[in-house]
Each structure stands twice: as C-alpha cells, then as structure tokens.
Amino acid sequence: FAYNTLLKHYASEAQVEKAESLLEKMQEDGVTPDGTTYLQMIRVAGATGDTEGAAEWLKRLEQQGEAIWEAHFHAVMSGHAKLGDMEGAEAWFRAMLDAGFRPDLVSFNIL
C-alpha cells in the first residue's frame, strides 16, 4: 500500500482529517513515517493555513531523527506565503539558511 502517495493526494486536496487518519493507520500497520511522509503532513497543514501545525510536523521529523530536506522548509514557507504572512515565510527562509541549505529558485519563488 502506497501510504505516501495517498498522503500526497490528501495534501493536494487539503484533507487534514484523512491525512491524519491515514498516518495513524500507517503506524498501526507498523510502517514508520519517513521524510516523504512528514513532507506531506507539512503540506497538508500549510494548505489549510495551519502554519503552526506545519512547523510542529517539521519538529516531529527532527525529533524522529530523520534527515530534514530543503523541501520541508519550502512547505512551511509556502504555508506562510499562502496566508500573506511574508514575515513568517522569511523567518523560515532564514531558518533554512541557518540549517545549512542554499536557497534555490523554489525558495525565491515562494518569497
């Protein structure tokens, strides 16, 4: 079963409840969330304007010991940008730089 593929769909449709339910089922089935799983959860939170939730998913990813990708920061930045919160997007841009990532075209397009 392709959990991350279905999570990506839920993220694109901003279906938080379905994404969270699927994540629970995934864990009940003994499947450990990975970087892609967390990316989709960050995206679904950001798509609904829950920027605090998006940041919390990033924190959970870090606590799990998974590698953080530039895409994770982009997803949090996008959530802020969608709300018109450019200060929040810029703060996450700086956090991305502090984490050692170099900005790319996606980074600047979000801003």
N, C-alpha and C. Protein backbone atom coordinates (compact mmCIF):
# COMPACT_ATOMS: atom_id res chain seq x y z
N PHE A 1 0.85 -1.19 0.00
CA PHE A 1 0.00 0.00 0.00
C PHE A 1 0.89 1.24 0.00
N ALA A 2 0.62 2.15 -0.86
CA ALA A 2 1.45 3.35 -1.02
C ALA A 2 0.92 4.49 -0.16
N TYR A 3 1.27 4.44 1.12
CA TYR A 3 0.78 5.46 2.05
C TYR A 3 1.17 6.87 1.62
N ASN A 4 2.44 7.06 1.26
CA ASN A 4 2.90 8.41 0.93
C ASN A 4 2.21 8.96 -0.31
N THR A 5 1.88 8.09 -1.25
CA THR A 5 1.18 8.54 -2.45
C THR A 5 -0.21 9.06 -2.10
N LEU A 6 -0.89 8.33 -1.24
CA LEU A 6 -2.22 8.76 -0.81
C LEU A 6 -2.13 10.03 0.05
N LEU A 7 -1.11 10.11 0.89
CA LEU A 7 -0.92 11.33 1.69
C LEU A 7 -0.68 12.54 0.79
N LYS A 8 0.06 12.33 -0.30
CA LYS A 8 0.31 13.43 -1.24
C LYS A 8 -1.01 13.92 -1.83
N HIS A 9 -1.89 12.99 -2.15
CA HIS A 9 -3.21 13.37 -2.67
C HIS A 9 -3.99 14.17 -1.62
N TYR A 10 -4.00 13.68 -0.39
CA TYR A 10 -4.72 14.39 0.67
C TYR A 10 -4.13 15.78 0.88
N ALA A 11 -2.81 15.91 0.78
CA ALA A 11 -2.17 17.22 0.92
C ALA A 11 -2.62 18.15 -0.20
N SER A 12 -2.70 17.63 -1.42
CA SER A 12 -3.10 18.48 -2.56
C SER A 12 -4.55 18.92 -2.44
N GLU A 13 -5.35 18.16 -1.71
CA GLU A 13 -6.76 18.49 -1.53
C GLU A 13 -7.04 19.13 -0.16
N ALA A 14 -5.98 19.36 0.64
CA ALA A 14 -6.09 19.96 1.97
C ALA A 14 -7.05 19.17 2.87
N GLN A 15 -6.95 17.86 2.82
CA GLN A 15 -7.82 16.98 3.61
C GLN A 15 -7.07 16.51 4.86
N VAL A 16 -7.08 17.37 5.86
CA VAL A 16 -6.31 17.14 7.08
C VAL A 16 -6.76 15.87 7.80
N GLU A 17 -8.06 15.74 8.01
CA GLU A 17 -8.56 14.60 8.78
C GLU A 17 -8.20 13.27 8.12
N LYS A 18 -8.34 13.21 6.82
CA LYS A 18 -8.00 11.98 6.10
C LYS A 18 -6.50 11.70 6.19
N ALA A 19 -5.68 12.74 6.07
CA ALA A 19 -4.24 12.55 6.16
C ALA A 19 -3.83 12.06 7.54
N GLU A 20 -4.38 12.67 8.58
CA GLU A 20 -4.04 12.26 9.95
C GLU A 20 -4.52 10.85 10.24
N SER A 21 -5.70 10.52 9.74
CA SER A 21 -6.23 9.17 9.92
C SER A 21 -5.36 8.13 9.21
N LEU A 22 -4.93 8.44 8.01
CA LEU A 22 -4.07 7.53 7.26
C LEU A 22 -2.72 7.37 7.96
N LEU A 23 -2.19 8.46 8.50
CA LEU A 23 -0.92 8.37 9.22
C LEU A 23 -1.05 7.44 10.43
N GLU A 24 -2.17 7.56 11.14
CA GLU A 24 -2.41 6.66 12.27
C GLU A 24 -2.46 5.21 11.82
N LYS A 25 -3.18 4.94 10.72
CA LYS A 25 -3.29 3.58 10.20
C LYS A 25 -1.91 3.07 9.78
N MET A 26 -1.15 3.92 9.15
CA MET A 26 0.19 3.57 8.72
C MET A 26 1.03 3.09 9.90
N GLN A 27 0.97 3.85 10.99
CA GLN A 27 1.74 3.50 12.17
C GLN A 27 1.20 2.23 12.84
N GLU A 28 -0.13 2.07 12.84
CA GLU A 28 -0.74 0.84 13.38
C GLU A 28 -0.29 -0.38 12.58
N ASP A 29 -0.08 -0.18 11.29
CA ASP A 29 0.37 -1.27 10.42
C ASP A 29 1.88 -1.52 10.54
N GLY A 30 2.53 -0.76 11.42
CA GLY A 30 3.96 -0.97 11.65
C GLY A 30 4.87 -0.27 10.68
N VAL A 31 4.33 0.67 9.91
CA VAL A 31 5.14 1.41 8.95
C VAL A 31 5.61 2.71 9.60
N THR A 32 6.90 2.93 9.60
CA THR A 32 7.48 4.13 10.21
C THR A 32 7.43 5.28 9.22
N PRO A 33 6.90 6.43 9.65
CA PRO A 33 6.90 7.61 8.77
C PRO A 33 8.32 8.00 8.40
N ASP A 34 8.51 8.45 7.17
CA ASP A 34 9.82 8.88 6.71
C ASP A 34 9.75 10.35 6.29
N GLY A 35 10.82 10.83 5.68
CA GLY A 35 10.86 12.23 5.27
C GLY A 35 9.75 12.61 4.31
N THR A 36 9.38 11.71 3.43
CA THR A 36 8.29 11.98 2.48
C THR A 36 6.95 12.05 3.21
N THR A 37 6.76 11.18 4.17
CA THR A 37 5.52 11.20 4.95
C THR A 37 5.37 12.55 5.65
N TYR A 38 6.44 12.98 6.31
CA TYR A 38 6.38 14.26 7.02
C TYR A 38 6.22 15.43 6.06
N LEU A 39 6.82 15.34 4.90
CA LEU A 39 6.65 16.41 3.91
C LEU A 39 5.19 16.57 3.55
N GLN A 40 4.49 15.47 3.35
CA GLN A 40 3.07 15.56 3.01
C GLN A 40 2.25 16.10 4.17
N MET A 41 2.61 15.73 5.39
CA MET A 41 1.88 16.24 6.55
C MET A 41 2.12 17.74 6.72
N ILE A 42 3.34 18.19 6.46
CA ILE A 42 3.63 19.63 6.49
C ILE A 42 2.81 20.34 5.42
N ARG A 43 2.76 19.76 4.23
CA ARG A 43 2.00 20.37 3.13
C ARG A 43 0.51 20.45 3.43
N VAL A 44 -0.05 19.38 3.99
CA VAL A 44 -1.49 19.41 4.28
C VAL A 44 -1.80 20.45 5.34
N ALA A 45 -0.94 20.61 6.34
CA ALA A 45 -1.15 21.64 7.36
C ALA A 45 -1.05 23.02 6.73
N GLY A 46 -0.03 23.23 5.91
CA GLY A 46 0.15 24.52 5.26
C GLY A 46 -0.99 24.86 4.31
N ALA A 47 -1.53 23.85 3.64
CA ALA A 47 -2.62 24.07 2.69
C ALA A 47 -3.89 24.55 3.37
N THR A 48 -4.02 24.25 4.64
CA THR A 48 -5.21 24.67 5.39
C THR A 48 -4.95 25.92 6.22
N GLY A 49 -3.75 26.49 6.07
CA GLY A 49 -3.42 27.71 6.81
C GLY A 49 -2.91 27.45 8.22
N ASP A 50 -2.68 26.20 8.55
CA ASP A 50 -2.19 25.84 9.88
C ASP A 50 -0.66 25.86 9.89
N THR A 51 -0.10 27.06 9.91
CA THR A 51 1.35 27.19 9.85
C THR A 51 2.02 26.67 11.13
N GLU A 52 1.34 26.80 12.25
CA GLU A 52 1.89 26.25 13.50
C GLU A 52 1.94 24.73 13.42
N GLY A 53 0.90 24.14 12.85
CA GLY A 53 0.88 22.69 12.66
C GLY A 53 1.97 22.24 11.72
N ALA A 54 2.20 23.01 10.67
CA ALA A 54 3.27 22.67 9.72
C ALA A 54 4.63 22.68 10.42
N ALA A 55 4.85 23.70 11.24
CA ALA A 55 6.10 23.79 11.99
C ALA A 55 6.22 22.62 12.98
N GLU A 56 5.11 22.23 13.57
CA GLU A 56 5.11 21.11 14.51
C GLU A 56 5.49 19.80 13.81
N TRP A 57 4.99 19.60 12.60
CA TRP A 57 5.36 18.39 11.84
C TRP A 57 6.85 18.39 11.53
N LEU A 58 7.42 19.55 11.22
CA LEU A 58 8.85 19.63 10.97
C LEU A 58 9.63 19.29 12.24
N LYS A 59 9.14 19.77 13.37
CA LYS A 59 9.78 19.47 14.66
C LYS A 59 9.72 17.97 14.94
N ARG A 60 8.58 17.34 14.66
CA ARG A 60 8.45 15.90 14.87
C ARG A 60 9.43 15.12 14.00
N LEU A 61 9.59 15.57 12.77
CA LEU A 61 10.53 14.94 11.85
C LEU A 61 11.93 14.98 12.44
N GLU A 62 12.31 16.14 12.93
CA GLU A 62 13.63 16.30 13.51
C GLU A 62 13.78 15.41 14.76
N GLN A 63 12.76 15.36 15.59
CA GLN A 63 12.81 14.54 16.81
C GLN A 63 12.92 13.06 16.48
N GLN A 64 12.37 12.65 15.36
CA GLN A 64 12.43 11.25 14.96
C GLN A 64 13.83 10.89 14.45
N GLY A 65 14.64 11.91 14.17
CA GLY A 65 15.99 11.65 13.70
C GLY A 65 16.10 11.50 12.20
N GLU A 66 15.02 11.83 11.51
CA GLU A 66 15.04 11.77 10.05
C GLU A 66 15.76 13.01 9.50
N ALA A 67 16.35 12.86 8.34
CA ALA A 67 17.00 13.99 7.68
C ALA A 67 15.96 15.01 7.25
N ILE A 68 16.29 16.26 7.45
CA ILE A 68 15.41 17.35 7.01
C ILE A 68 15.90 17.81 5.64
N TRP A 69 14.95 17.98 4.74
CA TRP A 69 15.25 18.39 3.37
C TRP A 69 14.86 19.84 3.17
N GLU A 70 15.42 20.42 2.15
CA GLU A 70 15.04 21.78 1.77
C GLU A 70 13.54 21.85 1.49
N ALA A 71 12.99 20.79 0.92
CA ALA A 71 11.55 20.76 0.60
C ALA A 71 10.68 20.90 1.86
N HIS A 72 11.17 20.42 2.99
CA HIS A 72 10.41 20.57 4.23
C HIS A 72 10.29 22.05 4.60
N PHE A 73 11.41 22.76 4.48
CA PHE A 73 11.38 24.21 4.75
C PHE A 73 10.49 24.92 3.73
N HIS A 74 10.59 24.52 2.47
CA HIS A 74 9.76 25.15 1.43
C HIS A 74 8.28 24.97 1.74
N ALA A 75 7.90 23.81 2.24
CA ALA A 75 6.50 23.55 2.54
C ALA A 75 6.00 24.46 3.66
N VAL A 76 6.82 24.66 4.68
CA VAL A 76 6.43 25.56 5.78
C VAL A 76 6.37 27.00 5.27
N MET A 77 7.37 27.39 4.48
CA MET A 77 7.39 28.74 3.91
C MET A 77 6.15 28.98 3.05
N SER A 78 5.77 27.98 2.26
CA SER A 78 4.60 28.12 1.38
C SER A 78 3.33 28.34 2.17
N GLY A 79 3.20 27.64 3.29
CA GLY A 79 2.02 27.84 4.14
C GLY A 79 1.90 29.27 4.60
N HIS A 80 3.02 29.85 5.01
CA HIS A 80 3.01 31.26 5.44
C HIS A 80 2.70 32.18 4.27
N ALA A 81 3.32 31.90 3.13
CA ALA A 81 3.11 32.76 1.96
C ALA A 81 1.65 32.74 1.51
N LYS A 82 1.01 31.57 1.57
CA LYS A 82 -0.40 31.47 1.16
C LYS A 82 -1.30 32.34 2.03
N LEU A 83 -0.90 32.54 3.28
CA LEU A 83 -1.67 33.40 4.19
C LEU A 83 -1.30 34.87 4.05
N GLY A 84 -0.30 35.16 3.21
CA GLY A 84 0.18 36.53 3.08
C GLY A 84 1.12 36.92 4.22
N ASP A 85 1.57 35.94 4.97
CA ASP A 85 2.46 36.17 6.11
C ASP A 85 3.91 36.09 5.63
N MET A 86 4.36 37.17 5.01
CA MET A 86 5.70 37.17 4.46
C MET A 86 6.77 37.20 5.55
N GLU A 87 6.45 37.77 6.71
CA GLU A 87 7.42 37.73 7.81
C GLU A 87 7.66 36.29 8.25
N GLY A 88 6.60 35.51 8.33
CA GLY A 88 6.74 34.10 8.69
C GLY A 88 7.51 33.33 7.64
N ALA A 89 7.20 33.59 6.36
CA ALA A 89 7.91 32.91 5.28
C ALA A 89 9.40 33.26 5.30
N GLU A 90 9.69 34.53 5.54
CA GLU A 90 11.09 34.96 5.59
C GLU A 90 11.81 34.38 6.81
N ALA A 91 11.10 34.24 7.92
CA ALA A 91 11.71 33.64 9.12
C ALA A 91 12.10 32.19 8.83
N TRP A 92 11.23 31.46 8.13
CA TRP A 92 11.56 30.07 7.78
C TRP A 92 12.64 30.00 6.71
N PHE A 93 12.69 31.01 5.85
CA PHE A 93 13.79 31.10 4.88
C PHE A 93 15.12 31.23 5.62
N ARG A 94 15.15 32.09 6.64
CA ARG A 94 16.37 32.26 7.44
C ARG A 94 16.70 30.97 8.20
N ALA A 95 15.67 30.29 8.71
CA ALA A 95 15.90 29.01 9.40
C ALA A 95 16.50 27.99 8.44
N MET A 96 16.03 28.01 7.20
CA MET A 96 16.57 27.11 6.19
C MET A 96 18.06 27.41 5.95
N LEU A 97 18.39 28.69 5.86
CA LEU A 97 19.79 29.09 5.68
C LEU A 97 20.62 28.66 6.89
N ASP A 98 20.07 28.88 8.09
CA ASP A 98 20.78 28.50 9.31
C ASP A 98 21.03 27.00 9.39
N ALA A 99 20.14 26.23 8.76
CA ALA A 99 20.30 24.77 8.75
C ALA A 99 21.32 24.30 7.71
N GLY A 100 21.87 25.26 6.95
CA GLY A 100 22.92 24.93 6.01
C GLY A 100 22.47 24.73 4.57
N PHE A 101 21.22 25.04 4.29
CA PHE A 101 20.72 24.90 2.92
C PHE A 101 20.96 26.19 2.15
N ARG A 102 21.24 26.04 0.86
CA ARG A 102 21.38 27.19 -0.02
C ARG A 102 20.06 27.41 -0.73
N PRO A 103 19.60 28.64 -0.80
CA PRO A 103 18.34 28.91 -1.48
C PRO A 103 18.45 28.58 -2.97
N ASP A 104 17.33 28.17 -3.53
CA ASP A 104 17.26 27.88 -4.96
C ASP A 104 16.07 28.63 -5.55
N LEU A 105 15.77 28.32 -6.77
CA LEU A 105 14.68 29.01 -7.46
C LEU A 105 13.35 28.84 -6.72
N VAL A 106 13.10 27.65 -6.19
CA VAL A 106 11.85 27.40 -5.44
C VAL A 106 11.80 28.32 -4.22
N SER A 107 12.91 28.41 -3.52
CA SER A 107 12.97 29.27 -2.32
C SER A 107 12.55 30.70 -2.65
N PHE A 108 13.11 31.23 -3.71
CA PHE A 108 12.83 32.62 -4.06
C PHE A 108 11.43 32.79 -4.65
N ASN A 109 10.93 31.79 -5.35
CA ASN A 109 9.57 31.89 -5.88
C ASN A 109 8.54 31.92 -4.76
N ILE A 110 8.80 31.22 -3.67
CA ILE A 110 7.88 31.25 -2.53
C ILE A 110 7.83 32.65 -1.94
N LEU A 111 9.00 33.29 -1.87
CA LEU A 111 9.07 34.64 -1.30
C LEU A 111 8.56 35.66 -2.28
